[in-house]
Amino acid sequence: MASYYYFVATLPSLQAANTVPPMPYAEFLERASRFLTAKDMAKLEAARLFLPADGIIPKAAASSRLLARYCRWELALRNELARLRAGRLQKPVEKHLKAGDPEWDGLKTAQAAFQAEDPLQGELLIERDRWSFIEALSANKYFDIEYLVSYALLLQALERRALFNAELGQQEYRTVYRSVLDTADYRDESGEQK
């Protein structure tokens, strides 16, 4: 396994408390391309925060123990959220589930996020648990591709959190809610159809 002492030493540290990532993810990939082997670069490019829409874990992810485990966590999280939401709405869930092995930590995170007081708090809980899970997976990984995979995932998590904006979220919610009310066939308190 190749070691990337120089490249890792040039990377800024990532902290969960950061509100802005120290560099864009695209810049990180561009810098990495100058130091990594083609095989390791493929692993790094497969390190995506979210799985593809079809739920299939990329083949390059299977060659990284850390990334394969993270993908199982993300898949378990998304599947459990789908189950919980479908249950609440009393809708069938089968078409939304993706095949894969369950990962207890992902299930636990989904259940806690589902119980959150509001969607923003649920998303923040998911992000905190995601960060902790990736950090745990990367324990004792230094200067190798596994460390860089964890760095890539954490950098993407920081970019995602930087997009959270409560005021903008409330505004979008009101817009969507107003649109639903405008198109809905509903009755007012008197029973008159609107």
C-alpha atoms as a PDB file:
ATOM      1  CA  MET A   1       0.000   0.000   0.000  1.00  0.00           C
ATOM      2  CA  ALA A   2       1.414   3.347  -1.038  1.00  0.00           C
ATOM      3  CA  SER A   3       2.121   6.034   1.512  1.00  0.00           C
ATOM      4  CA  TYR A   4       1.497   9.677   0.779  1.00  0.00           C
ATOM      5  CA  TYR A   5       3.478  11.410   3.529  1.00  0.00           C
ATOM      6  CA  TYR A   6       4.150  14.620   1.656  1.00  0.00           C
ATOM      7  CA  PHE A   7       0.630  15.049   0.280  1.00  0.00           C
ATOM      8  CA  VAL A   8      -1.083  14.356   3.608  1.00  0.00           C
ATOM      9  CA  ALA A   9       1.278  16.769   5.363  1.00  0.00           C
ATOM     10  CA  THR A  10       0.169  19.564   3.009  1.00  0.00           C
ATOM     11  CA  LEU A  11      -3.537  19.131   3.769  1.00  0.00           C
ATOM     12  CA  PRO A  12      -5.249  21.494   6.214  1.00  0.00           C
ATOM     13  CA  SER A  13      -6.802  19.793   9.221  1.00  0.00           C
ATOM     14  CA  LEU A  14     -10.548  19.208   9.283  1.00  0.00           C
ATOM     15  CA  GLN A  15     -12.576  19.878  12.414  1.00  0.00           C
ATOM     16  CA  ALA A  16     -16.212  18.996  12.989  1.00  0.00           C
ATOM     17  CA  ALA A  17     -16.785  22.503  14.364  1.00  0.00           C
ATOM     18  CA  ASN A  18     -15.653  24.161  11.122  1.00  0.00           C
ATOM     19  CA  THR A  19     -18.441  26.058   9.407  1.00  0.00           C
ATOM     20  CA  VAL A  20     -16.541  26.488   6.154  1.00  0.00           C
ATOM     21  CA  PRO A  21     -14.333  23.841   4.528  1.00  0.00           C
ATOM     22  CA  PRO A  22     -10.658  24.849   4.277  1.00  0.00           C
ATOM     23  CA  MET A  23     -10.685  24.091   0.537  1.00  0.00           C
ATOM     24  CA  PRO A  24     -13.239  23.008  -2.062  1.00  0.00           C
ATOM     25  CA  TYR A  25     -13.571  19.270  -2.630  1.00  0.00           C
ATOM     26  CA  ALA A  26     -12.764  19.733  -6.340  1.00  0.00           C
ATOM     27  CA  GLU A  27      -9.461  21.378  -5.411  1.00  0.00           C
ATOM     28  CA  PHE A  28      -8.647  18.482  -3.099  1.00  0.00           C
ATOM     29  CA  LEU A  29      -9.206  15.990  -5.933  1.00  0.00           C
ATOM     30  CA  GLU A  30      -7.096  18.067  -8.310  1.00  0.00           C
ATOM     31  CA  ARG A  31      -4.238  18.217  -5.811  1.00  0.00           C
ATOM     32  CA  ALA A  32      -4.541  14.492  -5.095  1.00  0.00           C
ATOM     33  CA  SER A  33      -4.294  13.650  -8.785  1.00  0.00           C
ATOM     34  CA  ARG A  34      -0.695  14.922  -8.744  1.00  0.00           C
ATOM     35  CA  PHE A  35       0.404  12.481  -6.023  1.00  0.00           C
ATOM     36  CA  LEU A  36      -1.761   9.347  -6.135  1.00  0.00           C
ATOM     37  CA  THR A  37      -1.414   6.266  -8.286  1.00  0.00           C
ATOM     38  CA  ALA A  38      -4.217   5.703 -10.804  1.00  0.00           C
ATOM     39  CA  LYS A  39      -5.626   2.867  -8.690  1.00  0.00           C
ATOM     40  CA  ASP A  40      -5.668   4.970  -5.521  1.00  0.00           C
ATOM     41  CA  MET A  41      -7.113   7.942  -7.402  1.00  0.00           C
ATOM     42  CA  ALA A  42     -10.011   5.722  -8.532  1.00  0.00           C
ATOM     43  CA  LYS A  43     -10.669   4.817  -4.873  1.00  0.00           C
ATOM     44  CA  LEU A  44     -10.565   8.462  -3.885  1.00  0.00           C
ATOM     45  CA  GLU A  45     -12.967   9.475  -6.647  1.00  0.00           C
ATOM     46  CA  ALA A  46     -15.342   6.711  -5.492  1.00  0.00           C
ATOM     47  CA  ALA A  47     -15.408   8.255  -2.011  1.00  0.00           C
ATOM     48  CA  ARG A  48     -18.709  10.074  -2.347  1.00  0.00           C
ATOM     49  CA  LEU A  49     -20.789  11.238   0.589  1.00  0.00           C
ATOM     50  CA  PHE A  50     -23.957   9.831  -0.978  1.00  0.00           C
ATOM     51  CA  LEU A  51     -24.551   6.642  -2.880  1.00  0.00           C
ATOM     52  CA  PRO A  52     -25.739   6.779  -6.482  1.00  0.00           C
ATOM     53  CA  ALA A  53     -29.528   6.914  -6.936  1.00  0.00           C
ATOM     54  CA  ASP A  54     -29.618   3.220  -7.839  1.00  0.00           C
ATOM     55  CA  GLY A  55     -28.036   2.373  -4.454  1.00  0.00           C
ATOM     56  CA  ILE A  56     -25.284   0.306  -6.044  1.00  0.00           C
ATOM     57  CA  ILE A  57     -21.973   0.717  -4.278  1.00  0.00           C
ATOM     58  CA  PRO A  58     -19.265   1.653  -6.811  1.00  0.00           C
ATOM     59  CA  LYS A  59     -16.779  -1.161  -7.583  1.00  0.00           C
ATOM     60  CA  ALA A  60     -13.830   1.013  -6.573  1.00  0.00           C
ATOM     61  CA  ALA A  61     -15.379   1.323  -3.101  1.00  0.00           C
ATOM     62  CA  ALA A  62     -15.019  -2.410  -2.551  1.00  0.00           C
ATOM     63  CA  SER A  63     -11.230  -2.082  -2.726  1.00  0.00           C
ATOM     64  CA  SER A  64     -11.221   0.232   0.311  1.00  0.00           C
ATOM     65  CA  ARG A  65     -12.306  -1.324   3.606  1.00  0.00           C
ATOM     66  CA  LEU A  66     -13.110   2.100   5.029  1.00  0.00           C
ATOM     67  CA  LEU A  67     -15.164   3.180   2.033  1.00  0.00           C
ATOM     68  CA  ALA A  68     -17.022  -0.136   1.796  1.00  0.00           C
ATOM     69  CA  ARG A  69     -18.007   0.134   5.452  1.00  0.00           C
ATOM     70  CA  TYR A  70     -19.051   3.768   5.045  1.00  0.00           C
ATOM     71  CA  CYS A  71     -21.195   2.869   2.021  1.00  0.00           C
ATOM     72  CA  ARG A  72     -22.973   0.209   4.100  1.00  0.00           C
ATOM     73  CA  TRP A  73     -23.617   2.860   6.785  1.00  0.00           C
ATOM     74  CA  GLU A  74     -25.039   5.311   4.241  1.00  0.00           C
ATOM     75  CA  LEU A  75     -27.192   2.594   2.631  1.00  0.00           C
ATOM     76  CA  ALA A  76     -28.558   1.484   6.017  1.00  0.00           C
ATOM     77  CA  LEU A  77     -29.281   5.115   6.936  1.00  0.00           C
ATOM     78  CA  ARG A  78     -31.192   5.806   3.705  1.00  0.00           C
ATOM     79  CA  ASN A  79     -33.113   2.514   3.821  1.00  0.00           C
ATOM     80  CA  GLU A  80     -34.154   3.022   7.440  1.00  0.00           C
ATOM     81  CA  LEU A  81     -35.249   6.613   6.780  1.00  0.00           C
ATOM     82  CA  ALA A  82     -37.341   5.339   3.852  1.00  0.00           C
ATOM     83  CA  ARG A  83     -38.937   2.675   6.086  1.00  0.00           C
ATOM     84  CA  LEU A  84     -39.728   5.150   8.858  1.00  0.00           C
ATOM     85  CA  ARG A  85     -41.154   7.778   6.504  1.00  0.00           C
ATOM     86  CA  ALA A  86     -43.247   5.219   4.616  1.00  0.00           C
ATOM     87  CA  GLY A  87     -44.575   3.911   7.921  1.00  0.00           C
ATOM     88  CA  ARG A  88     -45.574   7.386   9.029  1.00  0.00           C
ATOM     89  CA  LEU A  89     -47.343   8.010   5.703  1.00  0.00           C
ATOM     90  CA  GLN A  90     -48.749   4.481   5.577  1.00  0.00           C
ATOM     91  CA  LYS A  91     -47.270   3.946   2.115  1.00  0.00           C
ATOM     92  CA  PRO A  92     -45.451   0.929   0.658  1.00  0.00           C
ATOM     93  CA  VAL A  93     -41.685   1.194   0.984  1.00  0.00           C
ATOM     94  CA  GLU A  94     -40.370  -1.643  -1.191  1.00  0.00           C
ATOM     95  CA  LYS A  95     -39.672   0.425  -4.303  1.00  0.00           C
ATOM     96  CA  HIS A  96     -37.541   2.857  -2.268  1.00  0.00           C
ATOM     97  CA  LEU A  97     -35.308   0.271  -0.585  1.00  0.00           C
ATOM     98  CA  LYS A  98     -31.908  -0.644  -1.997  1.00  0.00           C
ATOM     99  CA  ALA A  99     -30.337  -4.055  -1.535  1.00  0.00           C
ATOM    100  CA  GLY A 100     -27.530  -4.283   0.974  1.00  0.00           C
ATOM    101  CA  ASP A 101     -26.382  -5.473   4.343  1.00  0.00           C
ATOM    102  CA  PRO A 102     -27.652  -3.569   7.376  1.00  0.00           C
ATOM    103  CA  GLU A 103     -25.220  -1.485   9.412  1.00  0.00           C
ATOM    104  CA  TRP A 104     -26.342  -0.946  13.008  1.00  0.00           C
ATOM    105  CA  ASP A 105     -24.841   2.530  13.366  1.00  0.00           C
ATOM    106  CA  GLY A 106     -26.661   3.713  10.238  1.00  0.00           C
ATOM    107  CA  LEU A 107     -29.980   2.328  11.504  1.00  0.00           C
ATOM    108  CA  LYS A 108     -29.497   3.980  14.885  1.00  0.00           C
ATOM    109  CA  THR A 109     -28.707   7.354  13.285  1.00  0.00           C
ATOM    110  CA  ALA A 110     -31.800   7.185  11.050  1.00  0.00           C
ATOM    111  CA  GLN A 111     -34.059   6.394  13.993  1.00  0.00           C
ATOM    112  CA  ALA A 112     -32.659   9.267  16.062  1.00  0.00           C
ATOM    113  CA  ALA A 113     -32.913  11.721  13.147  1.00  0.00           C
ATOM    114  CA  PHE A 114     -36.495  10.660  12.476  1.00  0.00           C
ATOM    115  CA  GLN A 115     -37.391  11.558  16.077  1.00  0.00           C
ATOM    116  CA  ALA A 116     -35.851  15.048  15.854  1.00  0.00           C
ATOM    117  CA  GLU A 117     -38.046  18.061  16.537  1.00  0.00           C
ATOM    118  CA  ASP A 118     -37.594  19.531  13.063  1.00  0.00           C
ATOM    119  CA  PRO A 119     -35.913  18.549   9.777  1.00  0.00           C
ATOM    120  CA  LEU A 120     -32.882  20.782  10.347  1.00  0.00           C
ATOM    121  CA  GLN A 121     -32.167  19.166  13.717  1.00  0.00           C
ATOM    122  CA  GLY A 122     -32.529  15.747  12.098  1.00  0.00           C
ATOM    123  CA  GLU A 123     -30.040  16.668   9.366  1.00  0.00           C
ATOM    124  CA  LEU A 124     -27.582  18.080  11.899  1.00  0.00           C
ATOM    125  CA  LEU A 125     -27.811  14.867  13.912  1.00  0.00           C
ATOM    126  CA  ILE A 126     -27.116  12.823  10.786  1.00  0.00           C
ATOM    127  CA  GLU A 127     -24.101  14.996  10.007  1.00  0.00           C
ATOM    128  CA  ARG A 128     -22.723  14.662  13.572  1.00  0.00           C
ATOM    129  CA  ASP A 129     -23.123  10.879  13.492  1.00  0.00           C
ATOM    130  CA  ARG A 130     -21.670  10.673   9.972  1.00  0.00           C
ATOM    131  CA  TRP A 131     -18.595  12.613  11.122  1.00  0.00           C
ATOM    132  CA  SER A 132     -18.135  10.417  14.188  1.00  0.00           C
ATOM    133  CA  PHE A 133     -18.550   7.234  12.162  1.00  0.00           C
ATOM    134  CA  ILE A 134     -15.968   8.283   9.552  1.00  0.00           C
ATOM    135  CA  GLU A 135     -13.532   9.369  12.270  1.00  0.00           C
ATOM    136  CA  ALA A 136     -13.934   6.007  14.012  1.00  0.00           C
ATOM    137  CA  LEU A 137     -13.296   4.170  10.751  1.00  0.00           C
ATOM    138  CA  SER A 138     -10.153   6.200  10.108  1.00  0.00           C
ATOM    139  CA  ALA A 139      -8.624   5.714  13.540  1.00  0.00           C
ATOM    140  CA  ASN A 140      -4.949   4.747  13.227  1.00  0.00           C
ATOM    141  CA  LYS A 141      -4.929   5.465   9.501  1.00  0.00           C
ATOM    142  CA  TYR A 142      -2.131   7.856   8.555  1.00  0.00           C
ATOM    143  CA  PHE A 143      -0.566   8.824   5.250  1.00  0.00           C
ATOM    144  CA  ASP A 144      -2.269   6.094   3.201  1.00  0.00           C
ATOM    145  CA  ILE A 145      -5.221   5.898   0.831  1.00  0.00           C
ATOM    146  CA  GLU A 146      -7.612   4.963   3.656  1.00  0.00           C
ATOM    147  CA  TYR A 147      -6.751   8.215   5.422  1.00  0.00           C
ATOM    148  CA  LEU A 148      -7.294  10.142   2.188  1.00  0.00           C
ATOM    149  CA  VAL A 149     -10.657   8.429   1.631  1.00  0.00           C
ATOM    150  CA  SER A 150     -11.770   9.513   5.105  1.00  0.00           C
ATOM    151  CA  TYR A 151     -10.455  13.022   4.442  1.00  0.00           C
ATOM    152  CA  ALA A 152     -12.448  13.176   1.191  1.00  0.00           C
ATOM    153  CA  LEU A 153     -15.646  12.118   2.962  1.00  0.00           C
ATOM    154  CA  LEU A 154     -15.155  14.589   5.814  1.00  0.00           C
ATOM    155  CA  LEU A 155     -14.388  17.427   3.409  1.00  0.00           C
ATOM    156  CA  GLN A 156     -17.618  16.700   1.526  1.00  0.00           C
ATOM    157  CA  ALA A 157     -19.505  16.637   4.841  1.00  0.00           C
ATOM    158  CA  LEU A 158     -18.132  20.100   5.655  1.00  0.00           C
ATOM    159  CA  GLU A 159     -19.190  21.384   2.235  1.00  0.00           C
ATOM    160  CA  ARG A 160     -22.675  20.006   2.785  1.00  0.00           C
ATOM    161  CA  ARG A 161     -23.015  21.567   6.245  1.00  0.00           C
ATOM    162  CA  ALA A 162     -21.848  24.914   4.881  1.00  0.00           C
ATOM    163  CA  LEU A 163     -24.980  24.879   2.698  1.00  0.00           C
ATOM    164  CA  PHE A 164     -27.347  24.635   5.678  1.00  0.00           C
ATOM    165  CA  ASN A 165     -29.180  27.904   6.140  1.00  0.00           C
ATOM    166  CA  ALA A 166     -32.183  27.980   8.482  1.00  0.00           C
ATOM    167  CA  GLU A 167     -33.669  31.190   7.046  1.00  0.00           C
ATOM    168  CA  LEU A 168     -33.421  29.979   3.458  1.00  0.00           C
ATOM    169  CA  GLY A 169     -34.834  26.595   4.496  1.00  0.00           C
ATOM    170  CA  GLN A 170     -37.865  28.253   6.126  1.00  0.00           C
ATOM    171  CA  GLN A 171     -38.423  30.351   3.020  1.00  0.00           C
ATOM    172  CA  GLU A 172     -38.283  27.270   0.770  1.00  0.00           C
ATOM    173  CA  TYR A 173     -40.628  25.404   3.122  1.00  0.00           C
ATOM    174  CA  ARG A 174     -43.177  28.238   2.961  1.00  0.00           C
ATOM    175  CA  THR A 175     -42.952  28.307  -0.843  1.00  0.00           C
ATOM    176  CA  VAL A 176     -43.509  24.555  -1.146  1.00  0.00           C
ATOM    177  CA  TYR A 177     -46.288  24.594   1.466  1.00  0.00           C
ATOM    178  CA  ARG A 178     -48.044  27.490  -0.296  1.00  0.00           C
ATOM    179  CA  SER A 179     -47.785  25.608  -3.593  1.00  0.00           C
ATOM    180  CA  VAL A 180     -49.324  22.504  -2.047  1.00  0.00           C
ATOM    181  CA  LEU A 181     -52.190  24.497  -0.573  1.00  0.00           C
ATOM    182  CA  ASP A 182     -52.790  26.310  -3.855  1.00  0.00           C
ATOM    183  CA  THR A 183     -53.098  23.062  -5.804  1.00  0.00           C
ATOM    184  CA  ALA A 184     -54.885  20.997  -3.147  1.00  0.00           C
ATOM    185  CA  ASP A 185     -58.569  20.177  -3.234  1.00  0.00           C
ATOM    186  CA  TYR A 186     -59.531  20.821   0.371  1.00  0.00           C
ATOM    187  CA  ARG A 187     -62.461  21.998   2.436  1.00  0.00           C
ATOM    188  CA  ASP A 188     -62.467  24.812   4.976  1.00  0.00           C
ATOM    189  CA  GLU A 189     -63.896  24.443   8.494  1.00  0.00           C
ATOM    190  CA  SER A 190     -67.465  24.974   7.250  1.00  0.00           C
ATOM    191  CA  GLY A 191     -67.176  21.999   4.887  1.00  0.00           C
ATOM    192  CA  GLU A 192     -67.199  24.229   1.812  1.00  0.00           C
ATOM    193  CA  GLN A 193     -64.889  23.049  -0.923  1.00  0.00           C
ATOM    194  CA  LYS A 194     -62.135  25.510  -1.757  1.00  0.00           C
END
